[in-house]
Protein backbone atom coordinates (compact mmCIF):
# COMPACT_ATOMS: atom_id res chain seq x y z
CA MET A 1 157.88 136.73 227.76
CA ALA A 2 158.94 140.41 226.80
CA GLU A 3 156.17 142.47 225.43
CA ILE A 4 156.71 144.60 222.30
CA THR A 5 155.02 147.78 221.68
CA LYS A 6 155.42 151.27 220.07
CA ASN A 7 153.42 154.11 221.61
CA LEU A 8 154.27 157.68 221.74
CA ARG A 9 156.81 159.37 219.25
CA CYS A 10 160.13 160.23 220.61
CA ASP A 11 159.62 163.91 220.56
CA ARG A 12 156.69 163.70 222.87
CA CYS A 13 158.14 161.06 225.31
CA CYS A 14 158.41 162.13 228.91
CA PHE A 15 161.35 159.76 229.36
CA LYS A 16 163.38 161.24 226.51
CA GLN A 17 167.02 161.67 227.79
CA GLU A 18 168.85 165.20 227.61
CA ILE A 19 171.30 163.86 224.98
CA PHE A 20 168.49 163.48 222.43
CA THR A 21 167.72 167.22 222.64
CA LEU A 22 170.88 167.69 220.36
CA LEU A 23 169.31 166.19 217.45
CA SER A 24 167.65 167.84 214.50
CA ASP A 25 164.00 167.07 213.73
CA GLU A 26 165.23 164.87 210.89
CA GLU A 27 167.60 162.92 213.14
CA MET A 28 164.84 162.52 215.57
CA ASP A 29 162.30 161.25 212.99
CA ARG A 30 164.88 158.55 211.77
CA ILE A 31 165.49 157.20 215.33
CA ASN A 32 161.70 157.31 215.96
CA GLN A 33 161.16 155.25 212.83
CA ASN A 34 163.87 152.76 213.66
CA ARG A 35 162.84 151.97 217.46
CA TYR A 36 160.53 149.88 219.36
CA GLU A 37 159.57 149.48 223.04
CA VAL A 38 160.02 146.27 224.94
CA ASN A 39 158.78 145.37 228.37
CA PHE A 40 160.69 142.76 230.35
CA LYS A 41 159.86 140.72 233.44
CA SER A 42 162.24 140.46 236.27
CA HIS A 43 165.20 138.21 235.59
CA GLU A 44 164.76 138.41 231.79
CA THR A 45 167.99 138.79 229.87
CA ILE A 46 167.93 142.12 227.77
CA PHE A 47 171.33 141.71 226.00
CA LYS A 48 173.53 138.64 226.07
CA GLN A 49 177.29 138.67 226.15
CA GLY A 50 178.91 137.42 222.83
CA ALA A 51 175.64 138.04 221.03
CA ALA A 52 175.41 140.71 217.98
CA LEU A 53 174.84 144.21 219.07
CA THR A 54 171.81 145.24 217.11
CA HIS A 55 170.25 147.92 219.28
CA ILE A 56 170.87 150.54 221.81
CA ALA A 57 168.49 150.30 224.88
CA CYS A 58 167.13 153.40 226.56
CA ILE A 59 165.79 152.48 229.89
CA THR A 60 162.44 154.14 230.79
CA SER A 61 161.70 152.36 233.99
CA GLY A 62 162.89 149.71 236.25
CA PHE A 63 166.32 148.33 237.65
CA GLY A 64 168.65 145.79 236.00
CA LYS A 65 172.37 144.69 236.08
CA ILE A 66 175.22 144.99 233.58
CA TYR A 67 177.63 142.10 234.35
CA ILE A 68 180.67 140.18 232.69
CA GLU A 69 180.12 136.45 232.43
CA GLY A 70 183.38 134.82 233.66
CA PHE A 71 184.81 131.42 234.22
CA ASN A 72 183.07 128.64 236.10
CA ASN A 73 179.70 130.43 236.17
CA LYS A 74 181.15 133.47 238.07
CA ASN A 75 179.93 136.86 237.25
CA LEU A 76 181.21 140.37 237.87
CA ILE A 77 178.47 143.04 237.99
CA LEU A 78 179.86 146.17 236.50
CA ARG A 79 176.97 148.37 237.67
CA ILE A 80 173.23 148.62 238.27
CA PHE A 81 171.12 150.70 236.04
CA LYS A 82 167.85 152.46 236.44
CA GLU A 83 165.47 154.51 234.58
CA ASN A 84 166.70 157.54 232.20
CA GLU A 85 169.94 155.55 231.27
CA PHE A 86 170.89 154.23 227.89
CA ILE A 87 172.93 151.17 227.30
CA GLY A 88 175.09 150.19 224.21
CA GLY A 89 178.70 148.95 224.69
CA PRO A 90 182.10 149.19 223.54
CA GLY A 91 181.07 146.80 220.53
CA MET A 92 179.16 149.76 219.06
CA TYR A 93 182.30 151.22 217.63
CA THR A 94 184.47 147.95 217.23
CA ASP A 95 182.86 144.70 216.33
CA PHE A 96 179.19 145.08 216.96
CA MET A 97 179.11 142.57 219.62
CA MET A 98 177.88 142.63 223.23
CA HIS A 99 180.77 142.35 225.59
CA TYR A 100 178.68 141.99 228.69
CA THR A 101 175.04 140.72 229.67
CA VAL A 102 172.35 142.90 230.67
CA SER A 103 169.32 141.69 232.62
CA ALA A 104 166.45 142.97 234.57
CA LEU A 105 166.25 142.96 238.28
CA THR A 106 162.71 144.11 238.31
CA ASP A 107 160.26 144.65 235.56
CA VAL A 108 161.86 146.94 233.04
CA SER A 109 160.77 148.95 230.23
CA THR A 110 163.19 149.84 227.31
CA CYS A 111 163.14 151.57 224.09
CA PHE A 112 165.28 149.91 221.49
CA ILE A 113 167.08 151.99 218.89
CA ASP A 114 168.64 150.31 215.83
CA ALA A 115 172.53 150.36 216.41
CA ARG A 116 173.32 151.36 212.87
CA VAL A 117 170.91 154.29 212.95
CA PHE A 118 172.52 155.38 216.22
CA TYR A 119 175.94 154.88 214.86
CA ASP A 120 175.22 157.00 211.80
CA THR A 121 173.63 159.81 214.09
CA VAL A 122 176.99 159.90 216.22
CA LYS A 123 178.96 160.18 213.09
CA ASN A 124 177.07 162.92 211.43
CA ASN A 125 176.31 165.11 214.65
CA SER A 126 179.41 166.32 216.24
CA ALA A 127 177.57 167.68 219.50
CA PHE A 128 175.82 164.40 219.96
CA ALA A 129 179.07 162.57 219.47
CA LEU A 130 180.88 164.65 222.13
CA GLN A 131 178.20 163.83 224.58
CA MET A 132 178.35 160.23 223.73
CA LEU A 133 182.24 160.39 224.21
CA GLY A 134 181.74 161.79 227.68
CA HIS A 135 179.17 159.10 228.66
CA ILE A 136 181.64 156.46 227.54
CA ASN A 137 184.59 158.15 229.46
CA ARG A 138 182.40 158.36 232.64
CA MET A 139 181.61 154.70 232.47
CA GLY A 140 185.44 153.91 231.78
CA ILE A 141 186.31 156.03 234.80
CA GLN A 142 183.75 154.23 237.17
CA ASN A 143 185.18 150.87 235.85
CA PHE A 144 188.69 151.80 236.61
CA ASN A 145 187.63 152.96 240.08
CA LYS A 146 185.82 149.67 240.63
CA PHE A 147 188.72 147.30 239.40
CA ILE A 148 191.32 149.20 241.62
CA ASN A 149 188.92 148.70 244.64
CA LEU A 150 188.31 145.18 243.89
CA THR A 151 192.03 144.36 243.45
CA GLN A 152 193.31 146.31 246.43
CA LYS A 153 190.72 146.43 249.09
CA HIS A 154 189.90 143.81 251.66
CA MET A 155 186.44 142.29 251.78
CA HIS A 156 184.98 144.65 254.39
CA GLY A 157 185.96 147.68 252.30
CA ARG A 158 184.65 146.26 249.12
CA ILE A 159 181.16 145.57 250.86
CA ALA A 160 181.23 149.21 252.25
CA ASP A 161 181.88 150.43 248.78
CA ALA A 162 178.94 148.53 247.21
CA ILE A 163 176.51 149.88 250.08
CA PHE A 164 177.66 153.37 249.29
CA TYR A 165 177.14 152.74 245.64
CA LEU A 166 173.50 151.64 246.16
CA ALA A 167 172.73 154.21 248.71
CA ASP A 168 174.29 157.32 246.80
CA ARG A 169 174.11 156.49 243.20
CA ILE A 170 171.14 154.13 242.82
CA HIS A 171 168.71 155.10 245.66
CA GLU A 172 169.99 158.47 246.74
CA SER A 173 169.11 157.72 250.32
CA ASP A 174 170.74 156.09 253.20
CA ASP A 175 167.61 153.95 253.88
CA PHE A 176 166.86 151.91 250.80
CA GLU A 177 165.72 148.57 249.54
CA PRO A 178 167.85 147.55 246.71
CA PRO A 179 166.38 145.10 244.10
CA ILE A 180 169.44 142.65 244.28
CA SER A 181 170.03 139.44 245.90
CA ARG A 182 173.00 138.35 248.22
CA GLN A 183 174.45 136.69 245.27
CA ASP A 184 174.29 139.93 243.25
CA LEU A 185 176.00 141.67 246.19
CA ALA A 186 178.65 139.03 246.13
CA ASP A 187 179.09 139.43 242.32
CA MET A 188 179.21 143.30 242.74
CA THR A 189 182.20 142.72 245.18
CA ALA A 190 184.15 139.78 243.67
CA MET A 191 183.48 137.33 246.59
CA THR A 192 181.48 134.37 247.37
CA LYS A 193 177.76 134.80 248.64
CA GLU A 194 178.95 133.23 252.04
CA SER A 195 181.55 135.95 252.49
CA ALA A 196 179.15 138.71 251.61
CA ILE A 197 176.56 137.46 253.95
CA ARG A 198 179.15 137.13 256.83
CA ILE A 199 180.39 140.78 256.20
CA LEU A 200 176.85 142.18 256.31
CA LYS A 201 176.46 140.42 259.71
CA ASP A 202 179.68 141.89 260.96
CA LEU A 203 178.67 145.51 259.86
CA LYS A 204 175.15 144.83 261.41
CA ASP A 205 176.68 143.48 264.68
CA ASN A 206 178.79 146.70 265.15
CA GLN A 207 175.89 148.85 264.31
CA THR A 208 177.41 150.37 261.22
CA ILE A 209 174.31 149.43 259.12
CA SER A 210 170.98 147.94 259.67
CA VAL A 211 169.81 144.97 257.51
CA GLU A 212 166.36 143.44 257.76
CA GLY A 213 165.64 141.15 254.72
CA ASN A 214 166.59 143.34 251.80
CA HIS A 215 166.09 146.70 253.58
CA PHE A 216 169.38 148.39 254.21
CA ARG A 217 170.07 151.51 256.27
CA ILE A 218 173.28 153.24 256.90
CA LEU A 219 173.54 154.02 260.81
CA ASN A 220 176.92 155.31 261.04
CA ARG A 221 178.11 156.80 257.70
CA ALA A 222 181.53 158.01 259.23
CA ALA A 223 182.42 154.37 260.37
CA LEU A 224 181.37 152.90 257.04
CA GLU A 225 183.53 155.47 255.13
CA LYS A 226 186.53 154.61 257.36
CA ILE A 227 185.87 150.80 256.66
CA SER A 228 185.89 151.94 252.73
CA ARG A 229 189.06 153.82 253.09
CA THR A 230 191.13 151.34 255.16
CA GLY A 231 189.52 148.18 253.70
């Protein structure tokens, strides 16, 4: 069960993200008055696709996944999130609905901000709005690249891209232990779990990567890059 608290003020929070430095004291006070902190356990749902978008979540610790729930219980993971990220969604500026599901992969701490208050802040603070537009556009570009890779690369290339994503963007190391399951890896790459496991074995057998349980290590980055390009 999620634990709800309210501790430090926003202006004293060590997890405060850079974008919030663009707010005036009055705007920061209003956000502080309309937010609360929630601690989620691993596998708990933070936002549900199709539900009302009532809050923006600022992640202060932990890892989770953002995914589209498709047909026949098949999901597509758009990205993995970690601390110092904020999550809203395109519904913020359209229909105030969640268009994807967000769930915890590990224990996750979040700070929820009332969506209407956040919306008003964007509307009234042009510098803050420009930063938000930049964030939204970067997420859109990432999705464009992901979709072209998923639709035009073979499975080995898609797994190679997922490994690079986890190594470079999430863990910032070639030696890492991601908090995802083999099913999550399959959902990141639009394939079955059995196919994902088989390709991992292929990459391990040719000594491109090392995989022991959930511990990954890139052994031959050049070879993996070639698989990504030609996959």
